[in-house]
Amino acid sequence: MCVIKNLSELMPPPVIPLEIPSDDDWKRCKRDLTNLPDDYKDFLMQYGSGVVDDFLRVFNPAAENEHLNLISQAKIILSALEESSRNFPDMFSMPSYPATNGFLPFASTDNGDNIFWVVNGQNPNLWTIAVMGPRSPEVFRHESGFVEFLVAMIRSDIRCKIFPSDFPDAPPISFVATRE
């Protein structure tokens, strides 16, 4: 909970978050995908659906918009990743979930970058982060969970060269609650 508190100081949550996941949403995730990291759940419980710094959208199992729905987008992105790996095995060698160390998408950017968990075991709180651009096999990896990754990005402790140089802005950055 400490990391989400750090995030809320750098990126204030909305006064009225949209599409807060219910217990049924989390059960559906566990059934259709897997159990998910606590920091991701904490993020969605505090922020809901929306956009980080007018650039990054975190998929939400409660989102009615299929383009923002975690389960819908995971299926679409995983299918595309598997097809790329099949058609271009020399360029796209990263495994997709549910393979060992498989990539499971949970966010995207306006540029088409995808942010993944690297599912490296049964404990989702130990999963790490990978970022991949839309037209390149280059992968940026960070050995932390999502919220810690976001905090490190905002504080400029790390720089993901896949993202544009102006992301994120200096803190406090915006989170806009939206269903789009």
Foldseek 3Di string as FASTA:
>chain_A
DVLVVLLCQFEPADPDAPQLDDPVLQVVCCVQPRHAAPVLNVCCNRHNFWAWQQWKTFADCRQPPLVRHQSSVQVVVQVVLVVCCVVPVVFRVAAAPPPAQHWGFGMATPQGKTKTWRCHDRHNQQTWIWIDGDPGSDIDTDRHDDSNVVSCQQVVVDDDVNDDPPPPPHGSTYIDRDSD
